[in-house]
């Protein structure tokens, strides 16, 4: 039998990391994340603590990508709102904070849920929009989908984004629950 895979090494490292850590506060946080994630998936008007953060990062993305041209400037909000929680999860993975990876994944799920609502509104343009620059407010997804002739498919695309949000939430909650279970069962190893 050969050396363990990357996944096998990370699983073993996560088990070792979890030994002796406090599971109860993490389990409470995980319950909140599962609740908020489910609410985001099922209620377009629901807002959690992550909603304001995600909106601010979305708007920052327009500023960051603006110098790269109009199309990327508009897309930059959505790109950044997804990249931020993904980057948080990757940074925490590199730092070996495995429960933090689950939190970052749950945030990514909520960001995807928020994005799905925005994409689904592309034709209707009924959502209230925010603009940092003043002047005419552009509906990002009406512009983006219209520019690539996919505007009639806004709700189908939103459905795919919502499915990705569900998968991200399910994996994040599973990871967090698994880690809490390992924490609860394992005592710290003697040094």
C-alpha atoms as a PDB file:
ATOM      1  CA  UNK A   1       0.000   0.000   0.000  1.00  0.00           C
ATOM      2  CA  UNK A   2       1.374   3.403  -1.004  1.00  0.00           C
ATOM      3  CA  UNK A   3       1.526   6.634   0.993  1.00  0.00           C
ATOM      4  CA  UNK A   4      -1.782   8.166   2.045  1.00  0.00           C
ATOM      5  CA  UNK A   5      -3.476  10.593  -0.315  1.00  0.00           C
ATOM      6  CA  UNK A   6      -3.662  14.332   0.344  1.00  0.00           C
ATOM      7  CA  UNK A   7      -7.180  13.814   1.671  1.00  0.00           C
ATOM      8  CA  UNK A   8      -6.038  10.971   3.921  1.00  0.00           C
ATOM      9  CA  UNK A   9      -3.203  13.090   5.335  1.00  0.00           C
ATOM     10  CA  UNK A  10      -5.568  16.019   5.978  1.00  0.00           C
ATOM     11  CA  UNK A  11      -8.127  13.712   7.621  1.00  0.00           C
ATOM     12  CA  UNK A  12      -5.472  12.272   9.934  1.00  0.00           C
ATOM     13  CA  UNK A  13      -4.121  15.750  10.702  1.00  0.00           C
ATOM     14  CA  UNK A  14      -7.652  16.998  11.449  1.00  0.00           C
ATOM     15  CA  UNK A  15      -8.185  14.116  13.876  1.00  0.00           C
ATOM     16  CA  UNK A  16      -4.949  14.976  15.666  1.00  0.00           C
ATOM     17  CA  UNK A  17      -5.849  18.688  15.645  1.00  0.00           C
ATOM     18  CA  UNK A  18      -9.281  17.986  17.159  1.00  0.00           C
ATOM     19  CA  UNK A  19      -8.001  15.914  20.074  1.00  0.00           C
ATOM     20  CA  UNK A  20      -8.702  17.704  23.334  1.00  0.00           C
ATOM     21  CA  UNK A  21     -10.278  20.815  21.823  1.00  0.00           C
ATOM     22  CA  UNK A  22     -13.503  22.232  23.191  1.00  0.00           C
ATOM     23  CA  UNK A  23     -16.395  20.908  21.151  1.00  0.00           C
ATOM     24  CA  UNK A  24     -19.424  22.467  22.882  1.00  0.00           C
ATOM     25  CA  UNK A  25     -18.865  26.109  21.816  1.00  0.00           C
ATOM     26  CA  UNK A  26     -18.034  24.938  18.302  1.00  0.00           C
ATOM     27  CA  UNK A  27     -21.178  22.813  18.224  1.00  0.00           C
ATOM     28  CA  UNK A  28     -23.257  25.865  19.194  1.00  0.00           C
ATOM     29  CA  UNK A  29     -21.600  27.912  16.441  1.00  0.00           C
ATOM     30  CA  UNK A  30     -22.210  25.068  13.998  1.00  0.00           C
ATOM     31  CA  UNK A  31     -25.909  24.997  14.939  1.00  0.00           C
ATOM     32  CA  UNK A  32     -26.124  28.722  14.216  1.00  0.00           C
ATOM     33  CA  UNK A  33     -24.315  28.299  10.892  1.00  0.00           C
ATOM     34  CA  UNK A  34     -26.617  25.434   9.886  1.00  0.00           C
ATOM     35  CA  UNK A  35     -29.700  27.461  10.871  1.00  0.00           C
ATOM     36  CA  UNK A  36     -28.536  30.646   9.128  1.00  0.00           C
ATOM     37  CA  UNK A  37     -27.419  28.697   6.064  1.00  0.00           C
ATOM     38  CA  UNK A  38     -30.790  26.967   5.769  1.00  0.00           C
ATOM     39  CA  UNK A  39     -32.606  30.267   6.212  1.00  0.00           C
ATOM     40  CA  UNK A  40     -30.473  31.857   3.487  1.00  0.00           C
ATOM     41  CA  UNK A  41     -31.306  28.942   1.183  1.00  0.00           C
ATOM     42  CA  UNK A  42     -35.045  29.069   1.819  1.00  0.00           C
ATOM     43  CA  UNK A  43     -35.813  32.761   2.397  1.00  0.00           C
ATOM     44  CA  UNK A  44     -34.556  35.376  -0.070  1.00  0.00           C
ATOM     45  CA  UNK A  45     -35.209  38.158   2.460  1.00  0.00           C
ATOM     46  CA  UNK A  46     -33.303  36.552   5.343  1.00  0.00           C
ATOM     47  CA  UNK A  47     -30.218  38.411   6.561  1.00  0.00           C
ATOM     48  CA  UNK A  48     -27.612  37.023   8.937  1.00  0.00           C
ATOM     49  CA  UNK A  49     -24.473  38.516  10.408  1.00  0.00           C
ATOM     50  CA  UNK A  50     -22.734  37.430   7.189  1.00  0.00           C
ATOM     51  CA  UNK A  51     -25.098  39.472   4.966  1.00  0.00           C
ATOM     52  CA  UNK A  52     -23.644  42.889   5.757  1.00  0.00           C
ATOM     53  CA  UNK A  53     -20.083  41.601   5.499  1.00  0.00           C
ATOM     54  CA  UNK A  54     -20.862  39.989   2.147  1.00  0.00           C
ATOM     55  CA  UNK A  55     -22.476  43.167   0.802  1.00  0.00           C
ATOM     56  CA  UNK A  56     -19.483  45.285   1.828  1.00  0.00           C
ATOM     57  CA  UNK A  57     -17.074  42.825   0.196  1.00  0.00           C
ATOM     58  CA  UNK A  58     -19.262  42.724  -2.934  1.00  0.00           C
ATOM     59  CA  UNK A  59     -19.097  46.513  -3.263  1.00  0.00           C
ATOM     60  CA  UNK A  60     -15.353  46.487  -2.594  1.00  0.00           C
ATOM     61  CA  UNK A  61     -15.016  44.024  -5.476  1.00  0.00           C
ATOM     62  CA  UNK A  62     -16.431  46.590  -7.899  1.00  0.00           C
ATOM     63  CA  UNK A  63     -13.755  49.046  -6.790  1.00  0.00           C
ATOM     64  CA  UNK A  64     -10.955  46.456  -7.007  1.00  0.00           C
ATOM     65  CA  UNK A  65     -11.967  45.174 -10.445  1.00  0.00           C
ATOM     66  CA  UNK A  66     -13.110  48.544 -11.847  1.00  0.00           C
ATOM     67  CA  UNK A  67      -9.734  49.408 -13.421  1.00  0.00           C
ATOM     68  CA  UNK A  68      -9.873  46.140 -15.413  1.00  0.00           C
ATOM     69  CA  UNK A  69     -12.728  47.309 -17.627  1.00  0.00           C
ATOM     70  CA  UNK A  70     -16.485  47.641 -17.436  1.00  0.00           C
ATOM     71  CA  UNK A  71     -17.392  43.941 -17.643  1.00  0.00           C
ATOM     72  CA  UNK A  72     -14.885  42.859 -14.980  1.00  0.00           C
ATOM     73  CA  UNK A  73     -15.762  45.907 -12.902  1.00  0.00           C
ATOM     74  CA  UNK A  74     -19.374  44.757 -12.800  1.00  0.00           C
ATOM     75  CA  UNK A  75     -18.495  41.077 -12.316  1.00  0.00           C
ATOM     76  CA  UNK A  76     -15.912  41.955  -9.666  1.00  0.00           C
ATOM     77  CA  UNK A  77     -18.531  42.378  -6.973  1.00  0.00           C
ATOM     78  CA  UNK A  78     -19.774  38.818  -7.325  1.00  0.00           C
ATOM     79  CA  UNK A  79     -16.274  37.429  -7.863  1.00  0.00           C
ATOM     80  CA  UNK A  80     -15.024  39.070  -4.670  1.00  0.00           C
ATOM     81  CA  UNK A  81     -18.052  38.101  -2.602  1.00  0.00           C
ATOM     82  CA  UNK A  82     -17.336  34.441  -3.416  1.00  0.00           C
ATOM     83  CA  UNK A  83     -13.546  34.699  -3.314  1.00  0.00           C
ATOM     84  CA  UNK A  84     -13.444  36.194   0.201  1.00  0.00           C
ATOM     85  CA  UNK A  85     -15.037  33.253   2.083  1.00  0.00           C
ATOM     86  CA  UNK A  86     -13.196  30.757  -0.138  1.00  0.00           C
ATOM     87  CA  UNK A  87      -9.905  32.514   0.672  1.00  0.00           C
ATOM     88  CA  UNK A  88     -10.753  32.505   4.381  1.00  0.00           C
ATOM     89  CA  UNK A  89     -11.373  28.741   4.237  1.00  0.00           C
ATOM     90  CA  UNK A  90      -8.119  28.134   2.345  1.00  0.00           C
ATOM     91  CA  UNK A  91      -6.078  30.303   4.710  1.00  0.00           C
ATOM     92  CA  UNK A  92      -7.547  28.504   7.713  1.00  0.00           C
ATOM     93  CA  UNK A  93      -6.842  25.146   6.072  1.00  0.00           C
ATOM     94  CA  UNK A  94      -3.221  26.178   5.598  1.00  0.00           C
ATOM     95  CA  UNK A  95      -3.109  27.222   9.272  1.00  0.00           C
ATOM     96  CA  UNK A  96      -4.593  23.846  10.244  1.00  0.00           C
ATOM     97  CA  UNK A  97      -7.761  25.376  11.754  1.00  0.00           C
ATOM     98  CA  UNK A  98     -10.084  22.713  10.444  1.00  0.00           C
ATOM     99  CA  UNK A  99     -13.199  23.979  12.192  1.00  0.00           C
ATOM    100  CA  UNK A 100     -12.465  27.410  10.703  1.00  0.00           C
ATOM    101  CA  UNK A 101     -12.606  25.753   7.276  1.00  0.00           C
ATOM    102  CA  UNK A 102     -16.169  24.667   8.074  1.00  0.00           C
ATOM    103  CA  UNK A 103     -17.055  28.233   9.102  1.00  0.00           C
ATOM    104  CA  UNK A 104     -15.544  29.623   5.883  1.00  0.00           C
ATOM    105  CA  UNK A 105     -17.478  27.035   3.870  1.00  0.00           C
ATOM    106  CA  UNK A 106     -20.735  27.975   5.593  1.00  0.00           C
ATOM    107  CA  UNK A 107     -20.057  31.642   4.815  1.00  0.00           C
ATOM    108  CA  UNK A 108     -19.402  30.678   1.189  1.00  0.00           C
ATOM    109  CA  UNK A 109     -22.767  28.905   1.158  1.00  0.00           C
ATOM    110  CA  UNK A 110     -24.536  32.007   2.476  1.00  0.00           C
ATOM    111  CA  UNK A 111     -22.720  34.165  -0.075  1.00  0.00           C
ATOM    112  CA  UNK A 112     -23.778  31.790  -2.869  1.00  0.00           C
ATOM    113  CA  UNK A 113     -27.378  31.920  -1.593  1.00  0.00           C
ATOM    114  CA  UNK A 114     -27.267  35.712  -1.663  1.00  0.00           C
ATOM    115  CA  UNK A 115     -25.796  35.631  -5.155  1.00  0.00           C
ATOM    116  CA  UNK A 116     -28.524  33.248  -6.360  1.00  0.00           C
ATOM    117  CA  UNK A 117     -31.177  35.773  -5.301  1.00  0.00           C
ATOM    118  CA  UNK A 118     -29.347  38.511  -7.221  1.00  0.00           C
ATOM    119  CA  UNK A 119     -28.952  36.364 -10.358  1.00  0.00           C
ATOM    120  CA  UNK A 120     -32.628  35.318 -10.275  1.00  0.00           C
ATOM    121  CA  UNK A 121     -33.603  39.009 -10.222  1.00  0.00           C
ATOM    122  CA  UNK A 122     -31.661  39.828 -13.406  1.00  0.00           C
ATOM    123  CA  UNK A 123     -34.701  40.219 -15.674  1.00  0.00           C
ATOM    124  CA  UNK A 124     -37.163  41.507 -13.071  1.00  0.00           C
ATOM    125  CA  UNK A 125     -34.749  44.035 -11.538  1.00  0.00           C
ATOM    126  CA  UNK A 126     -36.910  44.328  -8.437  1.00  0.00           C
ATOM    127  CA  UNK A 127     -34.198  44.181  -5.752  1.00  0.00           C
ATOM    128  CA  UNK A 128     -33.135  47.463  -4.154  1.00  0.00           C
ATOM    129  CA  UNK A 129     -29.542  48.078  -5.261  1.00  0.00           C
ATOM    130  CA  UNK A 130     -26.595  49.796  -3.627  1.00  0.00           C
ATOM    131  CA  UNK A 131     -24.130  52.025  -5.468  1.00  0.00           C
ATOM    132  CA  UNK A 132     -20.950  53.558  -4.124  1.00  0.00           C
ATOM    133  CA  UNK A 133     -20.351  55.795  -7.118  1.00  0.00           C
ATOM    134  CA  UNK A 134     -23.676  57.584  -7.324  1.00  0.00           C
ATOM    135  CA  UNK A 135     -25.293  58.119 -10.690  1.00  0.00           C
ATOM    136  CA  UNK A 136     -27.131  55.362 -12.501  1.00  0.00           C
ATOM    137  CA  UNK A 137     -27.313  52.072 -10.636  1.00  0.00           C
ATOM    138  CA  UNK A 138     -26.598  49.044 -12.811  1.00  0.00           C
ATOM    139  CA  UNK A 139     -28.049  45.638 -11.971  1.00  0.00           C
ATOM    140  CA  UNK A 140     -24.890  43.527 -12.176  1.00  0.00           C
ATOM    141  CA  UNK A 141     -26.537  40.345 -13.351  1.00  0.00           C
ATOM    142  CA  UNK A 142     -28.878  42.010 -15.833  1.00  0.00           C
ATOM    143  CA  UNK A 143     -25.784  43.530 -17.443  1.00  0.00           C
ATOM    144  CA  UNK A 144     -23.586  40.398 -17.189  1.00  0.00           C
ATOM    145  CA  UNK A 145     -26.156  37.888 -18.448  1.00  0.00           C
ATOM    146  CA  UNK A 146     -27.420  40.308 -21.086  1.00  0.00           C
ATOM    147  CA  UNK A 147     -23.909  40.824 -22.421  1.00  0.00           C
ATOM    148  CA  UNK A 148     -23.483  37.081 -23.029  1.00  0.00           C
ATOM    149  CA  UNK A 149     -27.076  36.547 -24.240  1.00  0.00           C
ATOM    150  CA  UNK A 150     -28.082  34.437 -21.211  1.00  0.00           C
ATOM    151  CA  UNK A 151     -30.549  36.855 -19.629  1.00  0.00           C
ATOM    152  CA  UNK A 152     -33.574  34.608 -20.415  1.00  0.00           C
ATOM    153  CA  UNK A 153     -31.881  31.890 -18.330  1.00  0.00           C
ATOM    154  CA  UNK A 154     -31.406  33.927 -15.149  1.00  0.00           C
ATOM    155  CA  UNK A 155     -33.580  31.700 -12.967  1.00  0.00           C
ATOM    156  CA  UNK A 156     -31.956  28.488 -14.231  1.00  0.00           C
ATOM    157  CA  UNK A 157     -28.495  29.902 -13.539  1.00  0.00           C
ATOM    158  CA  UNK A 158     -29.676  31.055 -10.124  1.00  0.00           C
ATOM    159  CA  UNK A 159     -30.879  27.500  -9.477  1.00  0.00           C
ATOM    160  CA  UNK A 160     -27.386  26.167 -10.188  1.00  0.00           C
ATOM    161  CA  UNK A 161     -25.870  28.757  -7.854  1.00  0.00           C
ATOM    162  CA  UNK A 162     -28.402  27.796  -5.167  1.00  0.00           C
ATOM    163  CA  UNK A 163     -27.498  24.108  -5.651  1.00  0.00           C
ATOM    164  CA  UNK A 164     -23.823  24.988  -5.145  1.00  0.00           C
ATOM    165  CA  UNK A 165     -24.824  26.855  -1.971  1.00  0.00           C
ATOM    166  CA  UNK A 166     -26.630  23.759  -0.698  1.00  0.00           C
ATOM    167  CA  UNK A 167     -23.614  21.538  -1.401  1.00  0.00           C
ATOM    168  CA  UNK A 168     -21.244  24.005   0.307  1.00  0.00           C
ATOM    169  CA  UNK A 169     -23.501  24.187   3.370  1.00  0.00           C
ATOM    170  CA  UNK A 170     -23.957  20.411   3.579  1.00  0.00           C
ATOM    171  CA  UNK A 171     -20.204  19.776   3.335  1.00  0.00           C
ATOM    172  CA  UNK A 172     -19.406  22.509   5.851  1.00  0.00           C
ATOM    173  CA  UNK A 173     -21.937  21.275   8.401  1.00  0.00           C
ATOM    174  CA  UNK A 174     -20.768  17.699   7.879  1.00  0.00           C
ATOM    175  CA  UNK A 175     -17.129  18.721   8.427  1.00  0.00           C
ATOM    176  CA  UNK A 176     -17.987  20.749  11.518  1.00  0.00           C
ATOM    177  CA  UNK A 177     -20.128  17.953  12.973  1.00  0.00           C
ATOM    178  CA  UNK A 178     -17.421  15.362  12.292  1.00  0.00           C
ATOM    179  CA  UNK A 179     -14.813  17.554  13.987  1.00  0.00           C
ATOM    180  CA  UNK A 180     -17.080  18.144  17.004  1.00  0.00           C
ATOM    181  CA  UNK A 181     -17.616  14.385  17.276  1.00  0.00           C
ATOM    182  CA  UNK A 182     -13.862  13.741  17.157  1.00  0.00           C
ATOM    183  CA  UNK A 183     -13.294  16.491  19.751  1.00  0.00           C
ATOM    184  CA  UNK A 184     -15.905  15.012  22.076  1.00  0.00           C
ATOM    185  CA  UNK A 185     -14.481  11.491  21.832  1.00  0.00           C
ATOM    186  CA  UNK A 186     -10.732  12.167  21.952  1.00  0.00           C
ATOM    187  CA  UNK A 187      -8.732  13.325  24.891  1.00  0.00           C
ATOM    188  CA  UNK A 188      -5.465  15.182  24.381  1.00  0.00           C
ATOM    189  CA  UNK A 189      -2.565  12.853  23.845  1.00  0.00           C
ATOM    190  CA  UNK A 190       0.151  12.830  26.493  1.00  0.00           C
ATOM    191  CA  UNK A 191       3.185  14.857  25.492  1.00  0.00           C
END
